[in-house]
């Protein structure tokens, strides 16, 4: 298939940000535009969103909680019996 060039004008700051995002996603800007164009033609509309996976505050909190649990993994080792559980509970008083 023959290739052709297109020129797109955009704000310099937007171009910089878009280029950085494409790099983060492992794409070139040209590849991103080609993916977009092919998908728009195939689906006859704007069909998708490509975005970074930026966790919200709740997810960040959950990640931090898990990291803290990993630090204290030796305290969360489970018990072979109810007696062993109560021994551990009484030891921490």
PDB file of N, CA and C in Angstrom:
ATOM      1  N   UNK A   1       0.841  -1.169   0.000  1.00  0.00           N
ATOM      2  CA  UNK A   1       0.000   0.000   0.000  1.00  0.00           C
ATOM      3  C   UNK A   1       0.891   1.238   0.000  1.00  0.00           C
ATOM      4  N   UNK A   2       0.607   2.171  -0.858  1.00  0.00           N
ATOM      5  CA  UNK A   2       1.401   3.397  -0.956  1.00  0.00           C
ATOM      6  C   UNK A   2       1.219   4.250   0.291  1.00  0.00           C
ATOM      7  N   UNK A   3       2.291   4.869   0.702  1.00  0.00           N
ATOM      8  CA  UNK A   3       2.266   5.747   1.875  1.00  0.00           C
ATOM      9  C   UNK A   3       2.133   7.192   1.421  1.00  0.00           C
ATOM     10  N   UNK A   4       1.529   8.005   2.260  1.00  0.00           N
ATOM     11  CA  UNK A   4       1.426   9.431   2.001  1.00  0.00           C
ATOM     12  C   UNK A   4       1.678  10.172   3.299  1.00  0.00           C
ATOM     13  N   UNK A   5       2.055  11.411   3.203  1.00  0.00           N
ATOM     14  CA  UNK A   5       2.305  12.238   4.378  1.00  0.00           C
ATOM     15  C   UNK A   5       1.142  13.189   4.596  1.00  0.00           C
ATOM     16  N   UNK A   6       0.887  13.486   5.853  1.00  0.00           N
ATOM     17  CA  UNK A   6      -0.072  14.528   6.201  1.00  0.00           C
ATOM     18  C   UNK A   6       0.614  15.468   7.169  1.00  0.00           C
ATOM     19  N   UNK A   7       0.188  16.700   7.179  1.00  0.00           N
ATOM     20  CA  UNK A   7       0.707  17.683   8.126  1.00  0.00           C
ATOM     21  C   UNK A   7      -0.415  18.068   9.076  1.00  0.00           C
ATOM     22  N   UNK A   8      -0.101  18.079  10.346  1.00  0.00           N
ATOM     23  CA  UNK A   8      -1.079  18.450  11.363  1.00  0.00           C
ATOM     24  C   UNK A   8      -0.502  19.608  12.161  1.00  0.00           C
ATOM     25  N   UNK A   9      -1.272  20.656  12.288  1.00  0.00           N
ATOM     26  CA  UNK A   9      -0.854  21.788  13.108  1.00  0.00           C
ATOM     27  C   UNK A   9      -1.478  21.650  14.489  1.00  0.00           C
ATOM     28  N   UNK A  10      -0.656  21.837  15.518  1.00  0.00           N
ATOM     29  CA  UNK A  10      -1.174  21.821  16.880  1.00  0.00           C
ATOM     30  C   UNK A  10      -0.268  22.662  17.761  1.00  0.00           C
ATOM     31  N   UNK A  11      -0.779  23.023  18.889  1.00  0.00           N
ATOM     32  CA  UNK A  11      -0.031  23.790  19.872  1.00  0.00           C
ATOM     33  C   UNK A  11       1.251  23.041  20.237  1.00  0.00           C
ATOM     34  N   UNK A  12       2.349  23.761  20.333  1.00  0.00           N
ATOM     35  CA  UNK A  12       3.649  23.141  20.618  1.00  0.00           C
ATOM     36  C   UNK A  12       3.642  22.380  21.934  1.00  0.00           C
ATOM     37  N   UNK A  13       2.997  22.937  22.944  1.00  0.00           N
ATOM     38  CA  UNK A  13       2.918  22.278  24.240  1.00  0.00           C
ATOM     39  C   UNK A  13       2.105  20.983  24.138  1.00  0.00           C
ATOM     40  N   UNK A  14       1.002  21.013  23.397  1.00  0.00           N
ATOM     41  CA  UNK A  14       0.192  19.819  23.187  1.00  0.00           C
ATOM     42  C   UNK A  14       0.998  18.746  22.462  1.00  0.00           C
ATOM     43  N   UNK A  15       1.754  19.147  21.441  1.00  0.00           N
ATOM     44  CA  UNK A  15       2.586  18.195  20.704  1.00  0.00           C
ATOM     45  C   UNK A  15       3.584  17.526  21.646  1.00  0.00           C
ATOM     46  N   UNK A  16       4.216  18.322  22.483  1.00  0.00           N
ATOM     47  CA  UNK A  16       5.195  17.797  23.446  1.00  0.00           C
ATOM     48  C   UNK A  16       4.526  16.795  24.390  1.00  0.00           C
ATOM     49  N   UNK A  17       3.374  17.174  24.950  1.00  0.00           N
ATOM     50  CA  UNK A  17       2.661  16.299  25.875  1.00  0.00           C
ATOM     51  C   UNK A  17       2.196  15.014  25.177  1.00  0.00           C
ATOM     52  N   UNK A  18       1.692  15.158  23.953  1.00  0.00           N
ATOM     53  CA  UNK A  18       1.228  14.003  23.187  1.00  0.00           C
ATOM     54  C   UNK A  18       2.388  13.069  22.867  1.00  0.00           C
ATOM     55  N   UNK A  19       3.508  13.623  22.479  1.00  0.00           N
ATOM     56  CA  UNK A  19       4.694  12.813  22.171  1.00  0.00           C
ATOM     57  C   UNK A  19       5.144  12.046  23.414  1.00  0.00           C
ATOM     58  N   UNK A  20       5.145  12.716  24.575  1.00  0.00           N
ATOM     59  CA  UNK A  20       5.528  12.040  25.821  1.00  0.00           C
ATOM     60  C   UNK A  20       4.564  10.915  26.162  1.00  0.00           C
ATOM     61  N   UNK A  21       3.260  11.162  25.999  1.00  0.00           N
ATOM     62  CA  UNK A  21       2.270  10.133  26.277  1.00  0.00           C
ATOM     63  C   UNK A  21       2.452   8.944  25.339  1.00  0.00           C
ATOM     64  N   UNK A  22       2.630   9.223  24.052  1.00  0.00           N
ATOM     65  CA  UNK A  22       2.853   8.138  23.092  1.00  0.00           C
ATOM     66  C   UNK A  22       4.077   7.317  23.490  1.00  0.00           C
ATOM     67  N   UNK A  23       5.138   7.979  23.871  1.00  0.00           N
ATOM     68  CA  UNK A  23       6.346   7.274  24.312  1.00  0.00           C
ATOM     69  C   UNK A  23       6.062   6.394  25.520  1.00  0.00           C
ATOM     70  N   UNK A  24       5.309   6.929  26.490  1.00  0.00           N
ATOM     71  CA  UNK A  24       4.940   6.141  27.673  1.00  0.00           C
ATOM     72  C   UNK A  24       4.148   4.899  27.288  1.00  0.00           C
ATOM     73  N   UNK A  25       3.355   5.001  26.238  1.00  0.00           N
ATOM     74  CA  UNK A  25       2.533   3.877  25.780  1.00  0.00           C
ATOM     75  C   UNK A  25       3.279   2.973  24.802  1.00  0.00           C
ATOM     76  N   UNK A  26       4.534   3.319  24.488  1.00  0.00           N
ATOM     77  CA  UNK A  26       5.338   2.510  23.574  1.00  0.00           C
ATOM     78  C   UNK A  26       5.016   2.749  22.114  1.00  0.00           C
ATOM     79  N   UNK A  27       4.520   3.925  21.801  1.00  0.00           N
ATOM     80  CA  UNK A  27       4.125   4.268  20.429  1.00  0.00           C
ATOM     81  C   UNK A  27       4.868   5.495  19.943  1.00  0.00           C
ATOM     82  N   UNK A  28       4.933   5.646  18.623  1.00  0.00           N
ATOM     83  CA  UNK A  28       5.328   6.925  18.051  1.00  0.00           C
ATOM     84  C   UNK A  28       4.046   7.703  17.794  1.00  0.00           C
ATOM     85  N   UNK A  29       4.175   8.990  17.574  1.00  0.00           N
ATOM     86  CA  UNK A  29       2.982   9.776  17.255  1.00  0.00           C
ATOM     87  C   UNK A  29       2.359   9.288  15.955  1.00  0.00           C
ATOM     88  N   UNK A  30       3.179   8.945  14.961  1.00  0.00           N
ATOM     89  CA  UNK A  30       2.660   8.469  13.681  1.00  0.00           C
ATOM     90  C   UNK A  30       1.870   7.178  13.871  1.00  0.00           C
ATOM     91  N   UNK A  31       2.386   6.269  14.698  1.00  0.00           N
ATOM     92  CA  UNK A  31       1.669   5.019  14.962  1.00  0.00           C
ATOM     93  C   UNK A  31       0.347   5.292  15.660  1.00  0.00           C
ATOM     94  N   UNK A  32       0.355   6.202  16.619  1.00  0.00           N
ATOM     95  CA  UNK A  32      -0.877   6.538  17.335  1.00  0.00           C
ATOM     96  C   UNK A  32      -1.922   7.106  16.372  1.00  0.00           C
ATOM     97  N   UNK A  33      -1.517   8.007  15.487  1.00  0.00           N
ATOM     98  CA  UNK A  33      -2.465   8.569  14.517  1.00  0.00           C
ATOM     99  C   UNK A  33      -2.973   7.495  13.562  1.00  0.00           C
ATOM    100  N   UNK A  34      -2.103   6.570  13.132  1.00  0.00           N
ATOM    101  CA  UNK A  34      -2.536   5.482  12.251  1.00  0.00           C
ATOM    102  C   UNK A  34      -3.525   4.551  12.954  1.00  0.00           C
ATOM    103  N   UNK A  35      -3.261   4.221  14.219  1.00  0.00           N
ATOM    104  CA  UNK A  35      -4.200   3.399  14.982  1.00  0.00           C
ATOM    105  C   UNK A  35      -5.550   4.103  15.056  1.00  0.00           C
ATOM    106  N   UNK A  36      -5.502   5.377  15.374  1.00  0.00           N
ATOM    107  CA  UNK A  36      -6.731   6.162  15.476  1.00  0.00           C
ATOM    108  C   UNK A  36      -7.492   6.160  14.148  1.00  0.00           C
ATOM    109  N   UNK A  37      -6.808   6.476  13.046  1.00  0.00           N
ATOM    110  CA  UNK A  37      -7.466   6.576  11.741  1.00  0.00           C
ATOM    111  C   UNK A  37      -8.064   5.240  11.308  1.00  0.00           C
ATOM    112  N   UNK A  38      -7.302   4.155  11.470  1.00  0.00           N
ATOM    113  CA  UNK A  38      -7.804   2.834  11.063  1.00  0.00           C
ATOM    114  C   UNK A  38      -9.027   2.427  11.877  1.00  0.00           C
ATOM    115  N   UNK A  39      -8.994   2.696  13.162  1.00  0.00           N
ATOM    116  CA  UNK A  39     -10.107   2.313  14.023  1.00  0.00           C
ATOM    117  C   UNK A  39     -11.336   3.165  13.755  1.00  0.00           C
ATOM    118  N   UNK A  40     -11.148   4.453  13.530  1.00  0.00           N
ATOM    119  CA  UNK A  40     -12.274   5.333  13.206  1.00  0.00           C
ATOM    120  C   UNK A  40     -12.950   4.875  11.920  1.00  0.00           C
ATOM    121  N   UNK A  41     -12.160   4.536  10.912  1.00  0.00           N
ATOM    122  CA  UNK A  41     -12.719   4.084   9.632  1.00  0.00           C
ATOM    123  C   UNK A  41     -13.449   2.751   9.820  1.00  0.00           C
ATOM    124  N   UNK A  42     -12.835   1.818  10.536  1.00  0.00           N
ATOM    125  CA  UNK A  42     -13.435   0.501  10.719  1.00  0.00           C
ATOM    126  C   UNK A  42     -14.749   0.578  11.498  1.00  0.00           C
ATOM    127  N   UNK A  43     -14.783   1.405  12.533  1.00  0.00           N
ATOM    128  CA  UNK A  43     -15.976   1.497  13.388  1.00  0.00           C
ATOM    129  C   UNK A  43     -16.910   2.647  13.010  1.00  0.00           C
ATOM    130  N   UNK A  44     -16.463   3.466  12.090  1.00  0.00           N
ATOM    131  CA  UNK A  44     -17.268   4.616  11.649  1.00  0.00           C
ATOM    132  C   UNK A  44     -17.596   5.566  12.796  1.00  0.00           C
ATOM    133  N   UNK A  45     -16.625   5.808  13.645  1.00  0.00           N
ATOM    134  CA  UNK A  45     -16.793   6.732  14.759  1.00  0.00           C
ATOM    135  C   UNK A  45     -15.576   6.720  15.652  1.00  0.00           C
ATOM    136  N   UNK A  46     -15.537   7.633  16.596  1.00  0.00           N
ATOM    137  CA  UNK A  46     -14.445   7.703  17.570  1.00  0.00           C
ATOM    138  C   UNK A  46     -14.722   6.626  18.628  1.00  0.00           C
ATOM    139  N   UNK A  47     -13.965   5.531  18.617  1.00  0.00           N
ATOM    140  CA  UNK A  47     -14.376   4.371  19.398  1.00  0.00           C
ATOM    141  C   UNK A  47     -13.637   4.099  20.704  1.00  0.00           C
ATOM    142  N   UNK A  48     -12.566   4.798  20.988  1.00  0.00           N
ATOM    143  CA  UNK A  48     -11.755   4.368  22.122  1.00  0.00           C
ATOM    144  C   UNK A  48     -11.025   5.527  22.764  1.00  0.00           C
ATOM    145  N   UNK A  49     -10.509   5.217  23.955  1.00  0.00           N
ATOM    146  CA  UNK A  49      -9.694   6.172  24.694  1.00  0.00           C
ATOM    147  C   UNK A  49      -8.384   5.485  25.028  1.00  0.00           C
ATOM    148  N   UNK A  50      -7.276   6.118  24.779  1.00  0.00           N
ATOM    149  CA  UNK A  50      -5.969   5.615  25.191  1.00  0.00           C
ATOM    150  C   UNK A  50      -5.500   6.534  26.304  1.00  0.00           C
ATOM    151  N   UNK A  51      -5.207   5.959  27.454  1.00  0.00           N
ATOM    152  CA  UNK A  51      -4.796   6.802  28.565  1.00  0.00           C
ATOM    153  C   UNK A  51      -3.774   6.082  29.427  1.00  0.00           C
ATOM    154  N   UNK A  52      -3.072   6.837  30.203  1.00  0.00           N
ATOM    155  CA  UNK A  52      -2.152   6.271  31.177  1.00  0.00           C
ATOM    156  C   UNK A  52      -2.978   5.653  32.298  1.00  0.00           C
ATOM    157  N   UNK A  53      -2.398   4.698  32.963  1.00  0.00           N
ATOM    158  CA  UNK A  53      -3.061   4.071  34.090  1.00  0.00           C
ATOM    159  C   UNK A  53      -2.637   4.805  35.353  1.00  0.00           C
ATOM    160  N   UNK A  54      -3.349   5.898  35.648  1.00  0.00           N
ATOM    161  CA  UNK A  54      -3.027   6.707  36.813  1.00  0.00           C
ATOM    162  C   UNK A  54      -4.030   6.366  37.912  1.00  0.00           C
ATOM    163  N   UNK A  55      -3.570   5.770  39.009  1.00  0.00           N
ATOM    164  CA  UNK A  55      -4.508   5.369  40.053  1.00  0.00           C
ATOM    165  C   UNK A  55      -5.112   6.571  40.778  1.00  0.00           C
ATOM    166  N   UNK A  56      -6.373   6.413  41.190  1.00  0.00           N
ATOM    167  CA  UNK A  56      -7.019   7.460  41.973  1.00  0.00           C
ATOM    168  C   UNK A  56      -6.597   7.334  43.433  1.00  0.00           C
ATOM    169  N   UNK A  57      -7.088   8.239  44.290  1.00  0.00           N
ATOM    170  CA  UNK A  57      -6.659   8.260  45.689  1.00  0.00           C
ATOM    171  C   UNK A  57      -7.005   6.960  46.414  1.00  0.00           C
ATOM    172  N   UNK A  58      -8.169   6.402  46.120  1.00  0.00           N
ATOM    173  CA  UNK A  58      -8.589   5.165  46.776  1.00  0.00           C
ATOM    174  C   UNK A  58      -7.646   4.017  46.411  1.00  0.00           C
ATOM    175  N   UNK A  59      -7.264   3.935  45.147  1.00  0.00           N
ATOM    176  CA  UNK A  59      -6.352   2.878  44.707  1.00  0.00           C
ATOM    177  C   UNK A  59      -4.970   3.068  45.326  1.00  0.00           C
ATOM    178  N   UNK A  60      -4.494   4.302  45.356  1.00  0.00           N
ATOM    179  CA  UNK A  60      -3.195   4.591  45.980  1.00  0.00           C
ATOM    180  C   UNK A  60      -3.215   4.163  47.440  1.00  0.00           C
ATOM    181  N   UNK A  61      -4.300   4.470  48.140  1.00  0.00           N
ATOM    182  CA  UNK A  61      -4.433   4.079  49.542  1.00  0.00           C
ATOM    183  C   UNK A  61      -4.403   2.561  49.698  1.00  0.00           C
ATOM    184  N   UNK A  62      -5.092   1.854  48.812  1.00  0.00           N
ATOM    185  CA  UNK A  62      -5.108   0.386  48.869  1.00  0.00           C
ATOM    186  C   UNK A  62      -3.723  -0.184  48.609  1.00  0.00           C
ATOM    187  N   UNK A  63      -3.003   0.393  47.655  1.00  0.00           N
ATOM    188  CA  UNK A  63      -1.636  -0.052  47.353  1.00  0.00           C
ATOM    189  C   UNK A  63      -0.736   0.144  48.569  1.00  0.00           C
ATOM    190  N   UNK A  64      -0.852   1.312  49.205  1.00  0.00           N
ATOM    191  CA  UNK A  64      -0.041   1.587  50.394  1.00  0.00           C
ATOM    192  C   UNK A  64      -0.380   0.624  51.528  1.00  0.00           C
ATOM    193  N   UNK A  65      -1.672   0.305  51.665  1.00  0.00           N
ATOM    194  CA  UNK A  65      -2.097  -0.636  52.706  1.00  0.00           C
ATOM    195  C   UNK A  65      -1.493  -2.022  52.462  1.00  0.00           C
ATOM    196  N   UNK A  66      -1.506  -2.457  51.222  1.00  0.00           N
ATOM    197  CA  UNK A  66      -0.923  -3.764  50.888  1.00  0.00           C
ATOM    198  C   UNK A  66       0.579  -3.772  51.140  1.00  0.00           C
ATOM    199  N   UNK A  67       1.258  -2.678  50.786  1.00  0.00           N
ATOM    200  CA  UNK A  67       2.695  -2.601  51.034  1.00  0.00           C
ATOM    201  C   UNK A  67       2.985  -2.682  52.528  1.00  0.00           C
ATOM    202  N   UNK A  68       2.156  -2.031  53.338  1.00  0.00           N
ATOM    203  CA  UNK A  68       2.329  -2.080  54.789  1.00  0.00           C
ATOM    204  C   UNK A  68       2.070  -3.499  55.303  1.00  0.00           C
ATOM    205  N   UNK A  69       1.067  -4.154  54.736  1.00  0.00           N
ATOM    206  CA  UNK A  69       0.777  -5.537  55.142  1.00  0.00           C
ATOM    207  C   UNK A  69       1.942  -6.457  54.808  1.00  0.00           C
ATOM    208  N   UNK A  70       2.590  -6.218  53.661  1.00  0.00           N
ATOM    209  CA  UNK A  70       3.741  -7.034  53.274  1.00  0.00           C
ATOM    210  C   UNK A  70       4.882  -6.858  54.263  1.00  0.00           C
ATOM    211  N   UNK A  71       5.064  -5.622  54.756  1.00  0.00           N
ATOM    212  CA  UNK A  71       6.120  -5.373  55.740  1.00  0.00           C
ATOM    213  C   UNK A  71       5.862  -6.168  57.011  1.00  0.00           C
ATOM    214  N   UNK A  72       4.590  -6.338  57.345  1.00  0.00           N
ATOM    215  CA  UNK A  72       4.212  -7.024  58.578  1.00  0.00           C
ATOM    216  C   UNK A  72       3.732  -8.444  58.312  1.00  0.00           C
ATOM    217  N   UNK A  73       4.178  -9.042  57.213  1.00  0.00           N
ATOM    218  CA  UNK A  73       3.704 -10.369  56.808  1.00  0.00           C
ATOM    219  C   UNK A  73       3.941 -11.411  57.894  1.00  0.00           C
ATOM    220  N   UNK A  74       5.026 -11.259  58.626  1.00  0.00           N
ATOM    221  CA  UNK A  74       5.321 -12.235  59.676  1.00  0.00           C
ATOM    222  C   UNK A  74       4.245 -12.232  60.761  1.00  0.00           C
ATOM    223  N   UNK A  75       3.507 -11.134  60.883  1.00  0.00           N
ATOM    224  CA  UNK A  75       2.437 -11.064  61.872  1.00  0.00           C
ATOM    225  C   UNK A  75       1.127 -11.653  61.348  1.00  0.00           C
ATOM    226  N   UNK A  76       1.036 -11.860  60.044  1.00  0.00           N
ATOM    227  CA  UNK A  76      -0.202 -12.317  59.413  1.00  0.00           C
ATOM    228  C   UNK A  76      -0.081 -13.742  58.880  1.00  0.00           C
ATOM    229  N   UNK A  77       0.610 -14.591  59.600  1.00  0.00           N
ATOM    230  CA  UNK A  77       0.943 -15.907  59.064  1.00  0.00           C
ATOM    231  C   UNK A  77      -0.126 -16.967  59.304  1.00  0.00           C
ATOM    232  N   UNK A  78      -1.228 -16.699  59.836  1.00  0.00           N
ATOM    233  CA  UNK A  78      -2.236 -17.719  60.045  1.00  0.00           C
ATOM    234  C   UNK A  78      -1.884 -18.605  61.235  1.00  0.00           C
ATOM    235  N   UNK A  79      -2.839 -19.411  61.638  1.00  0.00           N
ATOM    236  CA  UNK A  79      -2.656 -20.222  62.840  1.00  0.00           C
ATOM    237  C   UNK A  79      -3.145 -21.633  62.569  1.00  0.00           C
ATOM    238  N   UNK A  80      -2.498 -22.602  63.225  1.00  0.00           N
ATOM    239  CA  UNK A  80      -2.873 -24.001  63.075  1.00  0.00           C
ATOM    240  C   UNK A  80      -4.030 -24.389  63.973  1.00  0.00           C
ATOM    241  N   UNK A  81      -4.281 -23.572  65.009  1.00  0.00           N
ATOM    242  CA  UNK A  81      -5.359 -23.896  65.947  1.00  0.00           C
ATOM    243  C   UNK A  81      -5.874 -22.620  66.587  1.00  0.00           C
ATOM    244  N   UNK A  82      -7.030 -22.739  67.212  1.00  0.00           N
ATOM    245  CA  UNK A  82      -7.595 -21.593  67.940  1.00  0.00           C
ATOM    246  C   UNK A  82      -6.688 -21.240  69.105  1.00  0.00           C
ATOM    247  N   UNK A  83      -6.106 -22.239  69.735  1.00  0.00           N
ATOM    248  CA  UNK A  83      -5.207 -21.989  70.868  1.00  0.00           C
ATOM    249  C   UNK A  83      -4.011 -21.147  70.432  1.00  0.00           C
ATOM    250  N   UNK A  84      -3.447 -21.461  69.268  1.00  0.00           N
ATOM    251  CA  UNK A  84      -2.303 -20.697  68.760  1.00  0.00           C
ATOM    252  C   UNK A  84      -2.703 -19.255  68.481  1.00  0.00           C
ATOM    253  N   UNK A  85      -3.912 -19.049  67.972  1.00  0.00           N
ATOM    254  CA  UNK A  85      -4.416 -17.694  67.743  1.00  0.00           C
ATOM    255  C   UNK A  85      -4.490 -16.925  69.049  1.00  0.00           C
ATOM    256  N   UNK A  86      -5.090 -17.543  70.087  1.00  0.00           N
ATOM    257  CA  UNK A  86      -5.227 -16.859  71.371  1.00  0.00           C
ATOM    258  C   UNK A  86      -3.869 -16.605  72.018  1.00  0.00           C
ATOM    259  N   UNK A  87      -2.920 -17.513  71.831  1.00  0.00           N
ATOM    260  CA  UNK A  87      -1.565 -17.278  72.358  1.00  0.00           C
ATOM    261  C   UNK A  87      -0.968 -16.023  71.731  1.00  0.00           C
ATOM    262  N   UNK A  88      -1.130 -15.894  70.406  1.00  0.00           N
ATOM    263  CA  UNK A  88      -0.599 -14.710  69.729  1.00  0.00           C
ATOM    264  C   UNK A  88      -1.315 -13.456  70.195  1.00  0.00           C
ATOM    265  N   UNK A  89      -2.625 -13.508  70.317  1.00  0.00           N
ATOM    266  CA  UNK A  89      -3.387 -12.344  70.772  1.00  0.00           C
ATOM    267  C   UNK A  89      -2.971 -11.936  72.176  1.00  0.00           C
ATOM    268  N   UNK A  90      -2.788 -12.884  73.069  1.00  0.00           N
ATOM    269  CA  UNK A  90      -2.393 -12.590  74.450  1.00  0.00           C
ATOM    270  C   UNK A  90      -0.964 -12.099  74.529  1.00  0.00           C
ATOM    271  N   UNK A  91      -0.097 -12.565  73.637  1.00  0.00           N
ATOM    272  CA  UNK A  91       1.303 -12.146  73.635  1.00  0.00           C
ATOM    273  C   UNK A  91       1.424 -10.665  73.289  1.00  0.00           C
ATOM    274  N   UNK A  92       0.523 -10.128  72.483  1.00  0.00           N
ATOM    275  CA  UNK A  92       0.606  -8.735  72.053  1.00  0.00           C
ATOM    276  C   UNK A  92      -0.049  -7.764  73.032  1.00  0.00           C
ATOM    277  N   UNK A  93      -0.584  -8.243  74.126  1.00  0.00           N
ATOM    278  CA  UNK A  93      -1.231  -7.341  75.112  1.00  0.00           C
ATOM    279  C   UNK A  93      -0.230  -6.557  75.893  1.00  0.00           C
TER     280      UNK A  93
END
